[in-house]
Amino acid sequence: PNGGARVVEISPGSAGEAIGLQPGDVLLEIDGQDVVNSSFISRFVRDRNPGDEVEVVWQTEEGETKQATATLDEAEIN
């Protein structure tokens, strides 16, 4: 995929863990916005409130595209 942000680690109890993100997955979209890099995610999460629900689209290392609704928490997806 063009752009996107590779998941390096998933914090226990985080929004990423709740939707099944794995290290090595590549985040493609958050709430319909293309993820261009990992700093995009940090800025996006800062602009939202804990408890907000966002649609997340990602690709697994196997090349499968997945989509889920994540509820943002205090810890950001990194």
Protein backbone atom coordinates (compact mmCIF):
# COMPACT_ATOMS: atom_id res chain seq x y z
CA PRO A 1 0.00 0.00 0.00
CA ASN A 2 1.08 3.60 -0.56
CA GLY A 3 1.64 5.47 2.66
CA GLY A 4 0.14 4.01 5.78
CA ALA A 5 1.82 3.52 9.11
CA ARG A 6 3.32 0.23 10.23
CA VAL A 7 2.26 -0.84 13.71
CA VAL A 8 5.38 -1.28 15.85
CA GLU A 9 3.79 -2.27 19.14
CA ILE A 10 0.36 -2.58 20.69
CA SER A 11 -0.13 -1.44 24.25
CA PRO A 12 -2.06 -3.91 26.43
CA GLY A 13 -5.61 -2.69 26.92
CA SER A 14 -5.31 -0.13 24.12
CA ALA A 15 -7.80 0.62 21.36
CA GLY A 16 -5.49 -1.11 18.91
CA GLU A 17 -5.43 -4.30 20.94
CA ALA A 18 -9.22 -4.19 21.33
CA ILE A 19 -9.76 -4.31 17.54
CA GLY A 20 -7.08 -6.93 16.95
CA LEU A 21 -4.21 -4.90 15.52
CA GLN A 22 -0.92 -6.78 15.46
CA PRO A 23 2.66 -5.52 15.21
CA GLY A 24 3.56 -5.46 11.53
CA ASP A 25 0.06 -4.47 10.42
CA VAL A 26 -0.16 -1.28 8.34
CA LEU A 27 -2.77 1.33 9.25
CA LEU A 28 -4.35 2.69 6.07
CA GLU A 29 -7.29 4.86 7.14
CA ILE A 30 -8.75 6.40 10.27
CA ASP A 31 -12.28 7.75 10.00
CA GLY A 32 -12.05 7.86 6.21
CA GLN A 33 -8.79 9.82 6.18
CA ASP A 34 -5.74 8.26 4.57
CA VAL A 35 -2.96 7.60 7.05
CA VAL A 36 0.18 9.10 5.53
CA ASN A 37 2.61 8.26 8.34
CA SER A 38 2.77 7.52 12.05
CA SER A 39 2.82 11.20 13.08
CA PHE A 40 -0.54 11.59 11.32
CA ILE A 41 -1.98 9.10 13.83
CA SER A 42 -0.58 11.00 16.81
CA ARG A 43 -2.07 14.27 15.55
CA PHE A 44 -5.39 12.60 14.74
CA VAL A 45 -5.69 11.06 18.20
CA ARG A 46 -4.75 14.34 19.91
CA ASP A 47 -7.61 16.08 18.09
CA ARG A 48 -10.14 13.58 19.40
CA ASN A 49 -11.47 12.78 22.87
CA PRO A 50 -11.10 9.50 24.76
CA GLY A 51 -14.25 7.51 24.14
CA ASP A 52 -14.67 8.75 20.56
CA GLU A 53 -15.33 5.96 18.08
CA VAL A 54 -13.42 5.92 14.80
CA GLU A 55 -13.40 3.55 11.84
CA VAL A 56 -9.99 2.02 11.30
CA VAL A 57 -8.86 0.24 8.12
CA TRP A 58 -5.61 -1.72 8.11
CA GLN A 59 -3.75 -4.38 6.21
CA THR A 60 -2.29 -7.43 7.90
CA GLU A 61 1.16 -8.80 7.12
CA GLU A 62 -0.62 -11.49 5.08
CA GLY A 63 -2.11 -8.75 2.88
CA GLU A 64 -5.65 -9.04 4.22
CA THR A 65 -7.55 -5.76 4.60
CA LYS A 66 -9.55 -5.42 7.82
CA GLN A 67 -11.88 -2.78 9.18
CA ALA A 68 -13.15 -2.18 12.70
CA THR A 69 -14.54 0.52 14.94
CA ALA A 70 -12.07 1.54 17.64
CA THR A 71 -12.93 3.45 20.78
CA LEU A 72 -10.10 5.88 21.52
CA ASP A 73 -8.51 5.73 24.93
CA GLU A 74 -5.91 7.82 26.74
CA ALA A 75 -3.01 5.89 25.23
CA GLU A 76 -2.47 6.61 21.58
CA ILE A 77 -2.06 3.94 18.94
CA ASN A 78 1.63 3.91 18.12
